[in-house]
Amino acid sequence: MLKKYLSSISTLLCLALVSFDAKVTNFSPDYTDLEDWELVFEEEFEQDELDSTNWESYQPQSRASAWNYYVNSTNKSLRELSNGHLLLRAKWDSVRNLPETGAIQTKDKFSFRYGKLEVKARFNRSGQGAWPAIWLMPQNLVFPNWPDGGEIDVMERLNTDSFVYQVIHQSISEGLELKPAPFVTQAIDPKEFNTYGIIKTPEKIEFYVNDQKTMTYTKGGSNSERWPFETEFYLILNHATADKGESGTNFWPGLVSTTGDFPYEMAIDYVKVWKSVTTIDRP
């Protein structure tokens, strides 16, 4: 996920396109007249406990970032199933004066190469420093290390914004990351459920919000020889948050200014993945 706040989205998008020759187009037609799809993964969180055949805790990370604060446990204060929803939270530990956050993943349990992903989510409680996300990482790397291996950020929301960001990461040469500036979607209603998704094919990745296409990222130009997305990717659902400056990290949402708004919470209604019955899943 992005490591810093980008203040001028439109300007940086133009710079990214010029500097890296990334094939990004933005438009929003309806996408209901698609080819036939076959549902291959469905999670509606109707059970009392998380299905361990599909999900596990996302592992805390060692690098200095928001990912330090994931807690690898089944603590219901961070991860709870309630009324058919998965609730992922970021809470404030008043003893350590640091955040703790919840995250789950399908790594080594479910991944897909090409197909359509859709996640329905709502932001129940937010505040300064909040950073919930829906994103994909490679199960089987085409190129080693990050960002060479690729990352697909289906949805990232900062603080109390009424829009979200969608982002691609990859590398086009040693030490040079191809990262088009984060695409800002149309307005959403943060207090209601919205759907976020992608369609991943051999030549492109299309992004969607509420059934409307928002961005297409296409293989070609400078990125074609280092295209890392022709492999299976697994899903991560999380509610990260910044700290108050203790780590010295320049968090994208900025720093937490008050802990009075905690806990932050994102509700997930469902996760679904389809594969095309015709053209997408070719070798």
Protein backbone atom coordinates (compact mmCIF):
# COMPACT_ATOMS: atom_id res chain seq x y z
CA MET A 1 0.00 0.00 0.00
CA LEU A 2 1.08 3.55 -0.45
CA LYS A 3 3.67 4.82 2.00
CA LYS A 4 3.10 8.56 1.83
CA TYR A 5 0.39 11.12 1.32
CA LEU A 6 0.13 12.56 -2.20
CA SER A 7 -1.27 16.05 -2.12
CA SER A 8 -2.13 16.71 -5.77
CA ILE A 9 -3.70 13.65 -7.34
CA SER A 10 -4.38 14.96 -10.84
CA THR A 11 -0.90 16.42 -11.28
CA LEU A 12 0.84 13.28 -10.05
CA LEU A 13 -1.24 11.05 -12.29
CA CYS A 14 -0.09 13.01 -15.32
CA LEU A 15 3.52 12.79 -14.16
CA ALA A 16 3.25 9.04 -13.66
CA LEU A 17 1.88 8.55 -17.15
CA VAL A 18 4.57 10.68 -18.76
CA SER A 19 7.47 9.28 -16.74
CA PHE A 20 6.62 5.58 -16.95
CA ASP A 21 4.44 5.26 -20.07
CA ALA A 22 1.85 3.38 -18.02
CA LYS A 23 -1.31 2.55 -19.92
CA VAL A 24 -4.01 3.90 -17.60
CA THR A 25 -7.41 5.04 -18.79
CA ASN A 26 -10.26 6.36 -16.69
CA PHE A 27 -13.92 6.00 -17.60
CA SER A 28 -17.11 4.68 -16.02
CA PRO A 29 -19.55 2.77 -18.24
CA ASP A 30 -21.95 0.26 -16.72
CA TYR A 31 -20.56 -3.28 -16.67
CA THR A 32 -23.68 -5.42 -16.34
CA ASP A 33 -23.49 -6.81 -19.91
CA LEU A 34 -20.47 -9.05 -19.23
CA GLU A 35 -19.70 -12.54 -20.43
CA ASP A 36 -21.02 -15.44 -18.41
CA TRP A 37 -19.21 -15.93 -15.12
CA GLU A 38 -18.85 -18.92 -12.82
CA LEU A 39 -18.73 -18.25 -9.06
CA VAL A 40 -15.62 -19.94 -7.60
CA PHE A 41 -15.35 -18.32 -4.16
CA GLU A 42 -18.04 -16.91 -1.89
CA GLU A 43 -17.82 -15.73 1.71
CA GLU A 44 -20.81 -14.08 3.38
CA PHE A 45 -19.61 -14.37 7.01
CA GLU A 46 -22.84 -15.97 8.23
CA GLN A 47 -21.12 -18.38 10.63
CA ASP A 48 -20.07 -17.76 14.23
CA GLU A 49 -16.35 -18.23 13.60
CA LEU A 50 -14.11 -17.32 10.68
CA ASP A 51 -13.77 -20.21 8.21
CA SER A 52 -10.18 -21.37 8.67
CA THR A 53 -10.21 -23.20 5.35
CA ASN A 54 -10.39 -19.82 3.60
CA TRP A 55 -8.91 -17.29 6.03
CA GLU A 56 -6.11 -16.72 8.51
CA SER A 57 -4.72 -13.74 10.38
CA TYR A 58 -2.48 -11.47 8.35
CA GLN A 59 0.98 -11.67 9.83
CA PRO A 60 2.47 -8.63 11.61
CA GLN A 61 5.24 -7.10 9.53
CA SER A 62 8.74 -6.22 10.69
CA ARG A 63 9.24 -3.00 8.73
CA ALA A 64 8.36 0.37 10.29
CA SER A 65 4.88 1.05 8.97
CA ALA A 66 1.21 0.69 9.79
CA TRP A 67 1.60 -3.07 9.22
CA ASN A 68 3.51 -3.39 12.53
CA TYR A 69 0.26 -2.97 14.40
CA TYR A 70 -1.58 -6.02 13.08
CA VAL A 71 -2.32 -8.46 15.89
CA ASN A 72 -2.05 -12.14 14.96
CA SER A 73 -4.92 -13.41 17.08
CA THR A 74 -8.65 -14.09 17.11
CA ASN A 75 -9.25 -11.18 19.50
CA LYS A 76 -12.87 -10.14 18.95
CA SER A 77 -12.02 -6.55 19.76
CA LEU A 78 -10.18 -6.46 16.41
CA ARG A 79 -11.94 -9.12 14.33
CA GLU A 80 -15.51 -10.19 14.90
CA LEU A 81 -18.35 -11.87 13.02
CA SER A 82 -21.70 -10.26 13.80
CA ASN A 83 -25.09 -10.32 12.04
CA GLY A 84 -23.64 -11.67 8.81
CA HIS A 85 -20.77 -9.17 8.68
CA LEU A 86 -17.06 -9.35 9.28
CA LEU A 87 -16.05 -6.44 11.50
CA LEU A 88 -12.39 -5.39 11.24
CA ARG A 89 -11.26 -2.81 13.77
CA ALA A 90 -8.37 -0.59 14.73
CA LYS A 91 -8.29 0.11 18.46
CA TRP A 92 -6.02 2.17 20.67
CA ASP A 93 -3.98 0.41 23.36
CA SER A 94 -3.91 2.99 26.14
CA VAL A 95 -1.24 1.06 28.09
CA ARG A 96 1.34 1.10 25.27
CA ASN A 97 -0.13 4.29 23.75
CA LEU A 98 -0.09 2.59 20.34
CA PRO A 99 -2.72 1.18 17.97
CA GLU A 100 -3.65 -2.46 17.39
CA THR A 101 -5.36 -3.43 14.15
CA GLY A 102 -7.21 -6.39 12.65
CA ALA A 103 -6.50 -8.08 9.31
CA ILE A 104 -7.20 -11.38 7.57
CA GLN A 105 -5.93 -12.99 4.37
CA THR A 106 -6.47 -15.97 2.06
CA LYS A 107 -2.75 -16.65 1.53
CA ASP A 108 -2.05 -20.37 0.88
CA LYS A 109 -5.82 -20.99 1.07
CA PHE A 110 -7.42 -19.26 -1.92
CA SER A 111 -5.98 -17.28 -4.80
CA PHE A 112 -6.95 -16.63 -8.41
CA ARG A 113 -5.06 -15.82 -11.58
CA TYR A 114 -7.74 -14.23 -13.75
CA GLY A 115 -11.35 -13.41 -12.97
CA LYS A 116 -13.67 -10.98 -11.25
CA LEU A 117 -13.49 -9.99 -7.57
CA GLU A 118 -16.14 -8.04 -5.67
CA VAL A 119 -16.18 -7.02 -2.00
CA LYS A 120 -19.09 -5.22 -0.33
CA ALA A 121 -17.99 -3.01 2.56
CA ARG A 122 -19.08 -0.14 4.82
CA PHE A 123 -17.13 2.17 7.14
CA ASN A 124 -18.92 2.05 10.48
CA ARG A 125 -16.56 4.30 12.43
CA SER A 126 -13.63 6.39 11.24
CA GLY A 127 -11.36 9.23 12.23
CA GLN A 128 -7.99 10.86 11.63
CA GLY A 129 -5.39 8.22 10.76
CA ALA A 130 -7.91 5.55 9.71
CA TRP A 131 -6.76 3.42 6.77
CA PRO A 132 -9.01 0.45 5.86
CA ALA A 133 -8.17 -1.45 2.69
CA ILE A 134 -8.98 -4.32 0.34
CA TRP A 135 -5.91 -5.51 -1.57
CA LEU A 136 -4.21 -8.38 -3.38
CA MET A 137 -0.69 -9.79 -3.24
CA PRO A 138 0.95 -12.51 -5.38
CA GLN A 139 0.65 -16.09 -4.15
CA ASN A 140 3.30 -17.18 -6.65
CA LEU A 141 5.81 -14.50 -7.58
CA VAL A 142 6.72 -13.85 -11.20
CA PHE A 143 9.44 -11.42 -10.03
CA PRO A 144 10.88 -11.58 -6.49
CA ASN A 145 10.46 -8.92 -3.82
CA TRP A 146 8.20 -5.89 -3.59
CA PRO A 147 7.21 -3.99 -5.69
CA ASP A 148 8.62 -6.22 -8.46
CA GLY A 149 6.11 -8.94 -7.59
CA GLY A 150 3.15 -6.58 -7.93
CA GLU A 151 0.35 -5.35 -5.70
CA ILE A 152 -3.28 -4.54 -6.51
CA ASP A 153 -5.05 -2.15 -4.14
CA VAL A 154 -8.76 -2.57 -4.84
CA MET A 155 -9.77 -0.01 -2.20
CA GLU A 156 -7.98 2.26 0.25
CA ARG A 157 -9.80 4.87 2.29
CA LEU A 158 -8.13 7.61 4.31
CA ASN A 159 -9.53 9.23 7.44
CA THR A 160 -13.19 10.21 6.81
CA ASP A 161 -13.02 10.74 3.03
CA SER A 162 -16.18 10.33 0.96
CA PHE A 163 -14.18 8.67 -1.86
CA VAL A 164 -11.57 5.92 -2.04
CA TYR A 165 -8.28 5.27 -3.84
CA GLN A 166 -7.36 2.44 -6.21
CA VAL A 167 -3.68 1.77 -6.86
CA ILE A 168 -1.30 -0.53 -8.78
CA HIS A 169 2.32 -1.25 -7.79
CA GLN A 170 4.95 -2.89 -9.98
CA SER A 171 8.58 -2.39 -11.00
CA ILE A 172 9.79 -1.75 -14.54
CA SER A 173 13.52 -2.03 -13.78
CA GLU A 174 15.85 -2.59 -10.87
CA GLY A 175 15.00 -0.13 -8.13
CA LEU A 176 12.40 1.75 -10.16
CA GLU A 177 8.77 1.37 -9.14
CA LEU A 178 5.98 1.91 -11.63
CA LYS A 179 3.19 3.31 -9.49
CA PRO A 180 0.64 5.51 -11.22
CA ALA A 181 -0.61 8.14 -8.83
CA PRO A 182 -3.55 6.78 -6.80
CA PHE A 183 -6.76 6.98 -8.76
CA VAL A 184 -9.49 8.87 -6.90
CA THR A 185 -12.93 7.38 -7.40
CA GLN A 186 -16.25 9.10 -7.65
CA ALA A 187 -18.01 9.90 -4.39
CA ILE A 188 -19.35 7.08 -2.25
CA ASP A 189 -21.68 7.12 0.74
CA PRO A 190 -19.33 6.03 3.54
CA LYS A 191 -22.25 5.27 5.87
CA GLU A 192 -23.73 2.74 3.43
CA PHE A 193 -22.40 -0.43 1.85
CA ASN A 194 -20.50 0.04 -1.42
CA THR A 195 -18.98 -2.57 -3.71
CA TYR A 196 -15.32 -2.54 -4.76
CA GLY A 197 -13.85 -4.87 -7.35
CA ILE A 198 -11.56 -5.72 -10.21
CA ILE A 199 -11.60 -7.80 -13.37
CA LYS A 200 -8.15 -9.30 -13.91
CA THR A 201 -7.24 -10.60 -17.38
CA PRO A 202 -3.95 -11.50 -19.08
CA GLU A 203 -3.54 -8.02 -20.58
CA LYS A 204 -5.20 -5.63 -18.14
CA ILE A 205 -6.77 -5.01 -14.74
CA GLU A 206 -10.08 -3.14 -14.60
CA PHE A 207 -11.22 -1.44 -11.39
CA TYR A 208 -14.84 -0.93 -10.29
CA VAL A 209 -16.82 0.88 -7.63
CA ASN A 210 -20.56 0.21 -7.31
CA ASP A 211 -20.63 -1.60 -10.70
CA GLN A 212 -19.05 1.35 -12.49
CA LYS A 213 -15.66 1.02 -14.17
CA THR A 214 -13.26 3.57 -12.69
CA MET A 215 -9.83 2.72 -14.16
CA THR A 216 -8.15 0.29 -16.55
CA TYR A 217 -4.46 -0.56 -16.15
CA THR A 218 -3.10 -2.21 -19.31
CA LYS A 219 0.02 -4.20 -20.06
CA GLY A 220 2.12 -2.31 -22.58
CA GLY A 221 4.81 0.30 -23.06
CA SER A 222 7.45 0.52 -20.35
CA ASN A 223 5.72 -1.96 -18.03
CA SER A 224 5.29 -4.84 -20.50
CA GLU A 225 8.59 -6.64 -19.81
CA ARG A 226 8.16 -6.46 -16.02
CA TRP A 227 4.43 -7.30 -15.90
CA PRO A 228 4.03 -9.30 -12.64
CA PHE A 229 0.30 -9.95 -12.76
CA GLU A 230 0.25 -13.18 -14.80
CA THR A 231 0.07 -15.25 -11.63
CA GLU A 232 -2.32 -15.99 -8.80
CA PHE A 233 -3.06 -13.33 -6.18
CA TYR A 234 -4.55 -13.76 -2.72
CA LEU A 235 -6.80 -11.34 -0.84
CA ILE A 236 -6.14 -9.20 2.25
CA LEU A 237 -8.83 -7.35 4.22
CA ASN A 238 -7.58 -5.01 6.91
CA HIS A 239 -8.16 -1.90 8.95
CA ALA A 240 -4.80 -0.23 9.38
CA THR A 241 -4.23 3.04 11.17
CA ALA A 242 -1.47 5.53 11.72
CA ASP A 243 0.09 6.16 15.12
CA LYS A 244 0.71 9.51 16.81
CA GLY A 245 4.29 9.77 15.55
CA GLU A 246 6.02 7.16 17.71
CA SER A 247 7.34 5.13 14.77
CA GLY A 248 8.58 8.14 12.81
CA THR A 249 6.68 6.85 9.77
CA ASN A 250 5.18 9.28 7.26
CA PHE A 251 1.74 7.63 7.10
CA TRP A 252 -0.39 8.32 4.06
CA PRO A 253 -3.45 9.39 6.13
CA GLY A 254 -1.27 11.55 8.39
CA LEU A 255 -0.94 11.01 12.13
CA VAL A 256 -3.61 10.26 14.71
CA SER A 257 -4.50 13.53 16.42
CA THR A 258 -6.88 12.16 19.05
CA THR A 259 -7.74 8.69 20.30
CA GLY A 260 -11.28 9.69 21.22
CA ASP A 261 -12.69 8.37 17.91
CA PHE A 262 -11.32 4.85 18.38
CA PRO A 263 -12.11 2.07 17.73
CA TYR A 264 -12.33 2.48 13.95
CA GLU A 265 -14.37 -0.19 12.16
CA MET A 266 -15.00 -1.53 8.66
CA ALA A 267 -17.81 -4.02 8.01
CA ILE A 268 -17.50 -6.57 5.17
CA ASP A 269 -20.80 -8.02 3.93
CA TYR A 270 -19.40 -10.44 1.36
CA VAL A 271 -16.43 -11.44 -0.79
CA LYS A 272 -17.06 -13.08 -4.16
CA VAL A 273 -14.78 -14.24 -6.98
CA TRP A 274 -15.89 -15.44 -10.41
CA LYS A 275 -14.01 -16.86 -13.36
CA SER A 276 -14.97 -16.35 -16.99
CA VAL A 277 -16.40 -19.42 -18.68
CA THR A 278 -15.03 -18.30 -22.03
CA THR A 279 -11.96 -16.22 -22.75
CA ILE A 280 -10.25 -14.93 -19.59
CA ASP A 281 -8.76 -18.10 -18.08
CA ARG A 282 -6.47 -18.99 -20.93
CA PRO A 283 -2.98 -20.44 -20.22
